[in-house]
Amino acid sequence: MANVISDETMEYVGILAKLELSSEEKERAKEDMAKMLDYIDTLNELDTSGVEPMSHVFPVHNVFREDVVTNGDEREEILANAPEAKEGAFVVPKTFD
């Protein structure tokens, strides 16, 4: 294990994560973090010079539809359902004076 995590680093990570870890949990977490960093070091050794950078593994295409208005001004039809309407709006009881 080339990567060694210090006790201070574990304390800081615990504070950031808002975790209270016992000494056994801190030791296990230190070992796990060191293993993760070792694995990242292994990945950094790979030759990626011919690999095009990407944001997703699979090709992503815009799946959103065109933003087109499909209904027109149906104000009169909507207000026809209202018990009372005035000047093109619903009339509702006052909620406060």
PDB file of N, CA and C in Angstrom:
ATOM      1  N   MET A   1       0.836  -1.177   0.000  1.00  0.00           N
ATOM      2  CA  MET A   1       0.000   0.000   0.000  1.00  0.00           C
ATOM      3  C   MET A   1       0.878   1.237   0.000  1.00  0.00           C
ATOM      4  N   ALA A   2       0.871   1.931  -1.131  1.00  0.00           N
ATOM      5  CA  ALA A   2       1.685   3.133  -1.251  1.00  0.00           C
ATOM      6  C   ALA A   2       0.997   4.333  -0.610  1.00  0.00           C
ATOM      7  N   ASN A   3      -0.307   4.301  -0.586  1.00  0.00           N
ATOM      8  CA  ASN A   3      -1.054   5.425  -0.013  1.00  0.00           C
ATOM      9  C   ASN A   3      -1.352   5.156   1.456  1.00  0.00           C
ATOM     10  N   VAL A   4      -0.903   6.060   2.304  1.00  0.00           N
ATOM     11  CA  VAL A   4      -1.145   5.939   3.736  1.00  0.00           C
ATOM     12  C   VAL A   4      -1.977   7.131   4.164  1.00  0.00           C
ATOM     13  N   ILE A   5      -3.084   6.857   4.797  1.00  0.00           N
ATOM     14  CA  ILE A   5      -3.981   7.903   5.271  1.00  0.00           C
ATOM     15  C   ILE A   5      -3.639   8.197   6.734  1.00  0.00           C
ATOM     16  N   SER A   6      -3.447   9.467   7.047  1.00  0.00           N
ATOM     17  CA  SER A   6      -3.076   9.837   8.418  1.00  0.00           C
ATOM     18  C   SER A   6      -4.313   9.911   9.310  1.00  0.00           C
ATOM     19  N   ASP A   7      -4.067   9.875  10.615  1.00  0.00           N
ATOM     20  CA  ASP A   7      -5.155  10.009  11.586  1.00  0.00           C
ATOM     21  C   ASP A   7      -5.825  11.379  11.463  1.00  0.00           C
ATOM     22  N   GLU A   8      -5.024  12.410  11.165  1.00  0.00           N
ATOM     23  CA  GLU A   8      -5.573  13.753  11.012  1.00  0.00           C
ATOM     24  C   GLU A   8      -6.533  13.811   9.820  1.00  0.00           C
ATOM     25  N   THR A   9      -6.160  13.140   8.750  1.00  0.00           N
ATOM     26  CA  THR A   9      -7.026  13.105   7.574  1.00  0.00           C
ATOM     27  C   THR A   9      -8.337  12.408   7.901  1.00  0.00           C
ATOM     28  N   MET A  10      -8.272  11.318   8.640  1.00  0.00           N
ATOM     29  CA  MET A  10      -9.488  10.600   9.013  1.00  0.00           C
ATOM     30  C   MET A  10     -10.367  11.451   9.915  1.00  0.00           C
ATOM     31  N   GLU A  11      -9.753  12.197  10.832  1.00  0.00           N
ATOM     32  CA  GLU A  11     -10.521  13.098  11.692  1.00  0.00           C
ATOM     33  C   GLU A  11     -11.244  14.142  10.847  1.00  0.00           C
ATOM     34  N   TYR A  12     -10.504  14.707   9.871  1.00  0.00           N
ATOM     35  CA  TYR A  12     -11.071  15.738   9.012  1.00  0.00           C
ATOM     36  C   TYR A  12     -12.213  15.174   8.164  1.00  0.00           C
ATOM     37  N   VAL A  13     -12.030  13.993   7.609  1.00  0.00           N
ATOM     38  CA  VAL A  13     -13.089  13.354   6.821  1.00  0.00           C
ATOM     39  C   VAL A  13     -14.300  13.075   7.696  1.00  0.00           C
ATOM     40  N   GLY A  14     -14.076  12.638   8.916  1.00  0.00           N
ATOM     41  CA  GLY A  14     -15.174  12.394   9.846  1.00  0.00           C
ATOM     42  C   GLY A  14     -15.954  13.659  10.151  1.00  0.00           C
ATOM     43  N   ILE A  15     -15.231  14.772  10.296  1.00  0.00           N
ATOM     44  CA  ILE A  15     -15.899  16.054  10.542  1.00  0.00           C
ATOM     45  C   ILE A  15     -16.718  16.467   9.324  1.00  0.00           C
ATOM     46  N   LEU A  16     -16.129  16.347   8.138  1.00  0.00           N
ATOM     47  CA  LEU A  16     -16.843  16.718   6.919  1.00  0.00           C
ATOM     48  C   LEU A  16     -18.084  15.862   6.717  1.00  0.00           C
ATOM     49  N   ALA A  17     -17.977  14.564   7.013  1.00  0.00           N
ATOM     50  CA  ALA A  17     -19.099  13.647   6.836  1.00  0.00           C
ATOM     51  C   ALA A  17     -20.050  13.657   8.025  1.00  0.00           C
ATOM     52  N   LYS A  18     -19.697  14.421   9.048  1.00  0.00           N
ATOM     53  CA  LYS A  18     -20.500  14.490  10.276  1.00  0.00           C
ATOM     54  C   LYS A  18     -20.720  13.091  10.869  1.00  0.00           C
ATOM     55  N   LEU A  19     -19.612  12.336  10.945  1.00  0.00           N
ATOM     56  CA  LEU A  19     -19.639  10.991  11.499  1.00  0.00           C
ATOM     57  C   LEU A  19     -18.795  10.936  12.761  1.00  0.00           C
ATOM     58  N   GLU A  20     -19.269  10.180  13.720  1.00  0.00           N
ATOM     59  CA  GLU A  20     -18.464   9.887  14.901  1.00  0.00           C
ATOM     60  C   GLU A  20     -18.044   8.434  14.780  1.00  0.00           C
ATOM     61  N   LEU A  21     -16.773   8.227  14.496  1.00  0.00           N
ATOM     62  CA  LEU A  21     -16.265   6.881  14.275  1.00  0.00           C
ATOM     63  C   LEU A  21     -15.471   6.416  15.489  1.00  0.00           C
ATOM     64  N   SER A  22     -15.620   5.152  15.818  1.00  0.00           N
ATOM     65  CA  SER A  22     -14.795   4.572  16.873  1.00  0.00           C
ATOM     66  C   SER A  22     -13.394   4.357  16.312  1.00  0.00           C
ATOM     67  N   SER A  23     -12.453   4.031  17.167  1.00  0.00           N
ATOM     68  CA  SER A  23     -11.073   3.838  16.701  1.00  0.00           C
ATOM     69  C   SER A  23     -10.974   2.655  15.736  1.00  0.00           C
ATOM     70  N   GLU A  24     -11.778   1.596  15.968  1.00  0.00           N
ATOM     71  CA  GLU A  24     -11.767   0.444  15.049  1.00  0.00           C
ATOM     72  C   GLU A  24     -12.336   0.849  13.687  1.00  0.00           C
ATOM     73  N   GLU A  25     -13.412   1.646  13.697  1.00  0.00           N
ATOM     74  CA  GLU A  25     -14.016   2.096  12.443  1.00  0.00           C
ATOM     75  C   GLU A  25     -13.067   3.016  11.682  1.00  0.00           C
ATOM     76  N   LYS A  26     -12.333   3.851  12.415  1.00  0.00           N
ATOM     77  CA  LYS A  26     -11.360   4.729  11.766  1.00  0.00           C
ATOM     78  C   LYS A  26     -10.264   3.919  11.086  1.00  0.00           C
ATOM     79  N   GLU A  27      -9.787   2.882  11.755  1.00  0.00           N
ATOM     80  CA  GLU A  27      -8.727   2.048  11.174  1.00  0.00           C
ATOM     81  C   GLU A  27      -9.229   1.333   9.917  1.00  0.00           C
ATOM     82  N   ARG A  28     -10.447   0.787   9.987  1.00  0.00           N
ATOM     83  CA  ARG A  28     -11.021   0.120   8.809  1.00  0.00           C
ATOM     84  C   ARG A  28     -11.217   1.113   7.672  1.00  0.00           C
ATOM     85  N   ALA A  29     -11.688   2.312   7.997  1.00  0.00           N
ATOM     86  CA  ALA A  29     -11.902   3.332   6.979  1.00  0.00           C
ATOM     87  C   ALA A  29     -10.576   3.768   6.360  1.00  0.00           C
ATOM     88  N   LYS A  30      -9.536   3.880   7.184  1.00  0.00           N
ATOM     89  CA  LYS A  30      -8.210   4.235   6.664  1.00  0.00           C
ATOM     90  C   LYS A  30      -7.728   3.183   5.675  1.00  0.00           C
ATOM     91  N   GLU A  31      -7.906   1.910   6.018  1.00  0.00           N
ATOM     92  CA  GLU A  31      -7.495   0.829   5.122  1.00  0.00           C
ATOM     93  C   GLU A  31      -8.301   0.865   3.823  1.00  0.00           C
ATOM     94  N   ASP A  32      -9.616   1.073   3.943  1.00  0.00           N
ATOM     95  CA  ASP A  32     -10.466   1.135   2.750  1.00  0.00           C
ATOM     96  C   ASP A  32     -10.084   2.309   1.850  1.00  0.00           C
ATOM     97  N   MET A  33      -9.838   3.464   2.454  1.00  0.00           N
ATOM     98  CA  MET A  33      -9.452   4.626   1.662  1.00  0.00           C
ATOM     99  C   MET A  33      -8.103   4.407   0.978  1.00  0.00           C
ATOM    100  N   ALA A  34      -7.190   3.769   1.670  1.00  0.00           N
ATOM    101  CA  ALA A  34      -5.887   3.488   1.075  1.00  0.00           C
ATOM    102  C   ALA A  34      -6.043   2.533  -0.115  1.00  0.00           C
ATOM    103  N   LYS A  35      -6.911   1.529   0.031  1.00  0.00           N
ATOM    104  CA  LYS A  35      -7.152   0.604  -1.081  1.00  0.00           C
ATOM    105  C   LYS A  35      -7.764   1.331  -2.276  1.00  0.00           C
ATOM    106  N   MET A  36      -8.694   2.248  -2.002  1.00  0.00           N
ATOM    107  CA  MET A  36      -9.306   3.015  -3.095  1.00  0.00           C
ATOM    108  C   MET A  36      -8.263   3.858  -3.819  1.00  0.00           C
ATOM    109  N   LEU A  37      -7.396   4.515  -3.049  1.00  0.00           N
ATOM    110  CA  LEU A  37      -6.363   5.347  -3.666  1.00  0.00           C
ATOM    111  C   LEU A  37      -5.359   4.498  -4.445  1.00  0.00           C
ATOM    112  N   ASP A  38      -5.031   3.306  -3.932  1.00  0.00           N
ATOM    113  CA  ASP A  38      -4.150   2.398  -4.669  1.00  0.00           C
ATOM    114  C   ASP A  38      -4.788   1.987  -5.994  1.00  0.00           C
ATOM    115  N   TYR A  39      -6.085   1.738  -5.994  1.00  0.00           N
ATOM    116  CA  TYR A  39      -6.779   1.352  -7.220  1.00  0.00           C
ATOM    117  C   TYR A  39      -6.774   2.504  -8.219  1.00  0.00           C
ATOM    118  N   ILE A  40      -6.966   3.721  -7.725  1.00  0.00           N
ATOM    119  CA  ILE A  40      -6.920   4.886  -8.611  1.00  0.00           C
ATOM    120  C   ILE A  40      -5.524   5.027  -9.208  1.00  0.00           C
ATOM    121  N   ASP A  41      -4.488   4.771  -8.404  1.00  0.00           N
ATOM    122  CA  ASP A  41      -3.118   4.799  -8.931  1.00  0.00           C
ATOM    123  C   ASP A  41      -2.942   3.767 -10.034  1.00  0.00           C
ATOM    124  N   THR A  42      -3.551   2.602  -9.870  1.00  0.00           N
ATOM    125  CA  THR A  42      -3.480   1.562 -10.898  1.00  0.00           C
ATOM    126  C   THR A  42      -4.155   2.049 -12.179  1.00  0.00           C
ATOM    127  N   LEU A  43      -5.296   2.693 -12.038  1.00  0.00           N
ATOM    128  CA  LEU A  43      -5.992   3.215 -13.217  1.00  0.00           C
ATOM    129  C   LEU A  43      -5.192   4.315 -13.902  1.00  0.00           C
ATOM    130  N   ASN A  44      -4.455   5.106 -13.129  1.00  0.00           N
ATOM    131  CA  ASN A  44      -3.641   6.174 -13.712  1.00  0.00           C
ATOM    132  C   ASN A  44      -2.491   5.630 -14.544  1.00  0.00           C
ATOM    133  N   GLU A  45      -2.120   4.378 -14.359  1.00  0.00           N
ATOM    134  CA  GLU A  45      -1.041   3.774 -15.130  1.00  0.00           C
ATOM    135  C   GLU A  45      -1.484   3.365 -16.530  1.00  0.00           C
ATOM    136  N   LEU A  46      -2.793   3.332 -16.778  1.00  0.00           N
ATOM    137  CA  LEU A  46      -3.309   2.922 -18.084  1.00  0.00           C
ATOM    138  C   LEU A  46      -2.989   3.956 -19.149  1.00  0.00           C
ATOM    139  N   ASP A  47      -2.710   3.463 -20.374  1.00  0.00           N
ATOM    140  CA  ASP A  47      -2.447   4.350 -21.499  1.00  0.00           C
ATOM    141  C   ASP A  47      -3.787   4.765 -22.117  1.00  0.00           C
ATOM    142  N   THR A  48      -4.147   6.015 -21.935  1.00  0.00           N
ATOM    143  CA  THR A  48      -5.410   6.519 -22.472  1.00  0.00           C
ATOM    144  C   THR A  48      -5.168   7.563 -23.557  1.00  0.00           C
ATOM    145  N   SER A  49      -3.997   7.540 -24.163  1.00  0.00           N
ATOM    146  CA  SER A  49      -3.659   8.566 -25.150  1.00  0.00           C
ATOM    147  C   SER A  49      -4.563   8.491 -26.381  1.00  0.00           C
ATOM    148  N   GLY A  50      -5.047   7.292 -26.768  1.00  0.00           N
ATOM    149  CA  GLY A  50      -5.900   7.167 -27.940  1.00  0.00           C
ATOM    150  C   GLY A  50      -7.380   7.153 -27.623  1.00  0.00           C
ATOM    151  N   VAL A  51      -7.736   7.416 -26.387  1.00  0.00           N
ATOM    152  CA  VAL A  51      -9.143   7.361 -25.980  1.00  0.00           C
ATOM    153  C   VAL A  51      -9.718   8.774 -25.954  1.00  0.00           C
ATOM    154  N   GLU A  52     -10.831   8.946 -26.662  1.00  0.00           N
ATOM    155  CA  GLU A  52     -11.469  10.253 -26.705  1.00  0.00           C
ATOM    156  C   GLU A  52     -12.188  10.523 -25.382  1.00  0.00           C
ATOM    157  N   PRO A  53     -12.022  11.716 -24.814  1.00  0.00           N
ATOM    158  CA  PRO A  53     -12.725  12.029 -23.561  1.00  0.00           C
ATOM    159  C   PRO A  53     -14.238  11.988 -23.764  1.00  0.00           C
ATOM    160  N   MET A  54     -14.959  11.526 -22.738  1.00  0.00           N
ATOM    161  CA  MET A  54     -16.409  11.446 -22.842  1.00  0.00           C
ATOM    162  C   MET A  54     -17.034  11.707 -21.493  1.00  0.00           C
ATOM    163  N   SER A  55     -18.297  12.108 -21.535  1.00  0.00           N
ATOM    164  CA  SER A  55     -19.007  12.356 -20.285  1.00  0.00           C
ATOM    165  C   SER A  55     -19.881  11.175 -19.899  1.00  0.00           C
ATOM    166  N   HIS A  56     -20.213  10.313 -20.866  1.00  0.00           N
ATOM    167  CA  HIS A  56     -21.035   9.140 -20.609  1.00  0.00           C
ATOM    168  C   HIS A  56     -20.443   7.937 -21.343  1.00  0.00           C
ATOM    169  N   VAL A  57     -20.690   6.761 -20.812  1.00  0.00           N
ATOM    170  CA  VAL A  57     -20.203   5.549 -21.448  1.00  0.00           C
ATOM    171  C   VAL A  57     -20.972   5.290 -22.739  1.00  0.00           C
ATOM    172  N   PHE A  58     -22.272   5.540 -22.708  1.00  0.00           N
ATOM    173  CA  PHE A  58     -23.122   5.329 -23.866  1.00  0.00           C
ATOM    174  C   PHE A  58     -23.367   6.658 -24.564  1.00  0.00           C
ATOM    175  N   PRO A  59     -23.569   6.637 -25.879  1.00  0.00           N
ATOM    176  CA  PRO A  59     -23.865   7.898 -26.567  1.00  0.00           C
ATOM    177  C   PRO A  59     -25.190   8.476 -26.055  1.00  0.00           C
ATOM    178  N   VAL A  60     -25.185   9.741 -25.739  1.00  0.00           N
ATOM    179  CA  VAL A  60     -26.370  10.393 -25.196  1.00  0.00           C
ATOM    180  C   VAL A  60     -26.878  11.390 -26.227  1.00  0.00           C
ATOM    181  N   HIS A  61     -28.150  11.293 -26.537  1.00  0.00           N
ATOM    182  CA  HIS A  61     -28.777  12.217 -27.462  1.00  0.00           C
ATOM    183  C   HIS A  61     -29.877  12.953 -26.721  1.00  0.00           C
ATOM    184  N   ASN A  62     -30.190  14.144 -27.183  1.00  0.00           N
ATOM    185  CA  ASN A  62     -31.245  14.922 -26.562  1.00  0.00           C
ATOM    186  C   ASN A  62     -32.569  14.198 -26.741  1.00  0.00           C
ATOM    187  N   VAL A  63     -33.205  13.838 -25.646  1.00  0.00           N
ATOM    188  CA  VAL A  63     -34.461  13.095 -25.702  1.00  0.00           C
ATOM    189  C   VAL A  63     -35.668  13.996 -25.490  1.00  0.00           C
ATOM    190  N   PHE A  64     -35.436  15.285 -25.351  1.00  0.00           N
ATOM    191  CA  PHE A  64     -36.536  16.204 -25.126  1.00  0.00           C
ATOM    192  C   PHE A  64     -37.185  16.570 -26.449  1.00  0.00           C
ATOM    193  N   ARG A  65     -38.482  16.733 -26.414  1.00  0.00           N
ATOM    194  CA  ARG A  65     -39.200  17.119 -27.619  1.00  0.00           C
ATOM    195  C   ARG A  65     -39.084  18.620 -27.819  1.00  0.00           C
ATOM    196  N   GLU A  66     -39.401  19.049 -29.010  1.00  0.00           N
ATOM    197  CA  GLU A  66     -39.428  20.466 -29.324  1.00  0.00           C
ATOM    198  C   GLU A  66     -40.496  21.140 -28.469  1.00  0.00           C
ATOM    199  N   ASP A  67     -40.218  22.310 -27.968  1.00  0.00           N
ATOM    200  CA  ASP A  67     -41.171  23.035 -27.129  1.00  0.00           C
ATOM    201  C   ASP A  67     -42.123  23.818 -28.032  1.00  0.00           C
ATOM    202  N   VAL A  68     -43.234  23.168 -28.374  1.00  0.00           N
ATOM    203  CA  VAL A  68     -44.203  23.754 -29.293  1.00  0.00           C
ATOM    204  C   VAL A  68     -45.549  23.837 -28.583  1.00  0.00           C
ATOM    205  N   VAL A  69     -46.218  24.968 -28.718  1.00  0.00           N
ATOM    206  CA  VAL A  69     -47.544  25.139 -28.132  1.00  0.00           C
ATOM    207  C   VAL A  69     -48.526  24.319 -28.960  1.00  0.00           C
ATOM    208  N   THR A  70     -49.246  23.421 -28.286  1.00  0.00           N
ATOM    209  CA  THR A  70     -50.198  22.572 -29.010  1.00  0.00           C
ATOM    210  C   THR A  70     -51.637  22.988 -28.773  1.00  0.00           C
ATOM    211  N   ASN A  71     -51.885  23.774 -27.747  1.00  0.00           N
ATOM    212  CA  ASN A  71     -53.236  24.252 -27.505  1.00  0.00           C
ATOM    213  C   ASN A  71     -53.218  25.776 -27.538  1.00  0.00           C
ATOM    214  N   GLY A  72     -54.306  26.336 -27.951  1.00  0.00           N
ATOM    215  CA  GLY A  72     -54.371  27.785 -28.073  1.00  0.00           C
ATOM    216  C   GLY A  72     -55.003  28.413 -26.856  1.00  0.00           C
ATOM    217  N   ASP A  73     -55.592  29.558 -27.077  1.00  0.00           N
ATOM    218  CA  ASP A  73     -56.250  30.287 -26.010  1.00  0.00           C
ATOM    219  C   ASP A  73     -57.628  29.671 -25.780  1.00  0.00           C
ATOM    220  N   GLU A  74     -57.777  28.903 -24.729  1.00  0.00           N
ATOM    221  CA  GLU A  74     -59.034  28.224 -24.408  1.00  0.00           C
ATOM    222  C   GLU A  74     -59.676  28.839 -23.169  1.00  0.00           C
ATOM    223  N   ARG A  75     -59.426  30.118 -22.973  1.00  0.00           N
ATOM    224  CA  ARG A  75     -59.900  30.786 -21.767  1.00  0.00           C
ATOM    225  C   ARG A  75     -61.418  30.680 -21.629  1.00  0.00           C
ATOM    226  N   GLU A  76     -62.137  30.934 -22.707  1.00  0.00           N
ATOM    227  CA  GLU A  76     -63.603  30.906 -22.637  1.00  0.00           C
ATOM    228  C   GLU A  76     -64.115  29.513 -22.276  1.00  0.00           C
ATOM    229  N   GLU A  77     -63.494  28.469 -22.834  1.00  0.00           N
ATOM    230  CA  GLU A  77     -63.908  27.094 -22.515  1.00  0.00           C
ATOM    231  C   GLU A  77     -63.628  26.767 -21.050  1.00  0.00           C
ATOM    232  N   ILE A  78     -62.498  27.224 -20.537  1.00  0.00           N
ATOM    233  CA  ILE A  78     -62.139  26.956 -19.140  1.00  0.00           C
ATOM    234  C   ILE A  78     -63.068  27.714 -18.200  1.00  0.00           C
ATOM    235  N   LEU A  79     -63.326  28.988 -18.514  1.00  0.00           N
ATOM    236  CA  LEU A  79     -64.188  29.793 -17.652  1.00  0.00           C
ATOM    237  C   LEU A  79     -65.645  29.341 -17.710  1.00  0.00           C
ATOM    238  N   ALA A  80     -66.008  28.588 -18.740  1.00  0.00           N
ATOM    239  CA  ALA A  80     -67.374  28.072 -18.825  1.00  0.00           C
ATOM    240  C   ALA A  80     -67.656  27.111 -17.675  1.00  0.00           C
ATOM    241  N   ASN A  81     -66.628  26.497 -17.099  1.00  0.00           N
ATOM    242  CA  ASN A  81     -66.786  25.576 -15.970  1.00  0.00           C
ATOM    243  C   ASN A  81     -66.844  26.287 -14.621  1.00  0.00           C
ATOM    244  N   ALA A  82     -66.505  27.576 -14.617  1.00  0.00           N
ATOM    245  CA  ALA A  82     -66.447  28.318 -13.348  1.00  0.00           C
ATOM    246  C   ALA A  82     -67.849  28.690 -12.881  1.00  0.00           C
ATOM    247  N   PRO A  83     -68.109  28.625 -11.571  1.00  0.00           N
ATOM    248  CA  PRO A  83     -69.405  29.062 -11.067  1.00  0.00           C
ATOM    249  C   PRO A  83     -69.623  30.553 -11.299  1.00  0.00           C
ATOM    250  N   GLU A  84     -68.506  31.325 -11.249  1.00  0.00           N
ATOM    251  CA  GLU A  84     -68.617  32.762 -11.476  1.00  0.00           C
ATOM    252  C   GLU A  84     -67.306  33.261 -12.080  1.00  0.00           C
ATOM    253  N   ALA A  85     -67.385  34.107 -13.095  1.00  0.00           N
ATOM    254  CA  ALA A  85     -66.207  34.660 -13.752  1.00  0.00           C
ATOM    255  C   ALA A  85     -66.405  36.158 -13.930  1.00  0.00           C
ATOM    256  N   LYS A  86     -65.299  36.889 -13.926  1.00  0.00           N
ATOM    257  CA  LYS A  86     -65.362  38.342 -14.105  1.00  0.00           C
ATOM    258  C   LYS A  86     -64.098  38.791 -14.825  1.00  0.00           C
ATOM    259  N   GLU A  87     -64.254  39.499 -15.910  1.00  0.00           N
ATOM    260  CA  GLU A  87     -63.149  40.048 -16.695  1.00  0.00           C
ATOM    261  C   GLU A  87     -62.117  38.987 -17.060  1.00  0.00           C
ATOM    262  N   GLY A  88     -62.584  37.814 -17.465  1.00  0.00           N
ATOM    263  CA  GLY A  88     -61.701  36.750 -17.932  1.00  0.00           C
ATOM    264  C   GLY A  88     -60.961  36.013 -16.836  1.00  0.00           C
ATOM    265  N   ALA A  89     -61.454  36.062 -15.595  1.00  0.00           N
ATOM    266  CA  ALA A  89     -60.797  35.372 -14.481  1.00  0.00           C
ATOM    267  C   ALA A  89     -61.844  34.731 -13.581  1.00  0.00           C
ATOM    268  N   PHE A  90     -61.421  33.770 -12.772  1.00  0.00           N
ATOM    269  CA  PHE A  90     -62.304  33.138 -11.803  1.00  0.00           C
ATOM    270  C   PHE A  90     -62.603  34.116 -10.675  1.00  0.00           C
ATOM    271  N   VAL A  91     -63.812  34.099 -10.197  1.00  0.00           N
ATOM    272  CA  VAL A  91     -64.180  34.890  -9.018  1.00  0.00           C
ATOM    273  C   VAL A  91     -64.210  33.909  -7.844  1.00  0.00           C
ATOM    274  N   VAL A  92     -63.423  34.234  -6.811  1.00  0.00           N
ATOM    275  CA  VAL A  92     -63.339  33.365  -5.639  1.00  0.00           C
ATOM    276  C   VAL A  92     -63.621  34.187  -4.394  1.00  0.00           C
ATOM    277  N   PRO A  93     -64.033  33.538  -3.307  1.00  0.00           N
ATOM    278  CA  PRO A  93     -64.300  34.278  -2.068  1.00  0.00           C
ATOM    279  C   PRO A  93     -63.013  34.885  -1.512  1.00  0.00           C
ATOM    280  N   LYS A  94     -63.156  36.000  -0.800  1.00  0.00           N
ATOM    281  CA  LYS A  94     -62.019  36.631  -0.149  1.00  0.00           C
ATOM    282  C   LYS A  94     -61.483  35.710   0.931  1.00  0.00           C
ATOM    283  N   THR A  95     -60.174  35.684   1.071  1.00  0.00           N
ATOM    284  CA  THR A  95     -59.570  34.875   2.129  1.00  0.00           C
ATOM    285  C   THR A  95     -59.201  35.711   3.342  1.00  0.00           C
ATOM    286  N   PHE A  96     -59.047  37.029   3.158  1.00  0.00           N
ATOM    287  CA  PHE A  96     -58.785  37.924   4.270  1.00  0.00           C
ATOM    288  C   PHE A  96     -59.245  39.318   3.885  1.00  0.00           C
ATOM    289  N   ASP A  97     -59.448  40.171   4.867  1.00  0.00           N
ATOM    290  CA  ASP A  97     -59.903  41.548   4.621  1.00  0.00           C
ATOM    291  C   ASP A  97     -58.758  42.508   4.636  1.00  0.00           C
TER     292      ASP A  97
END
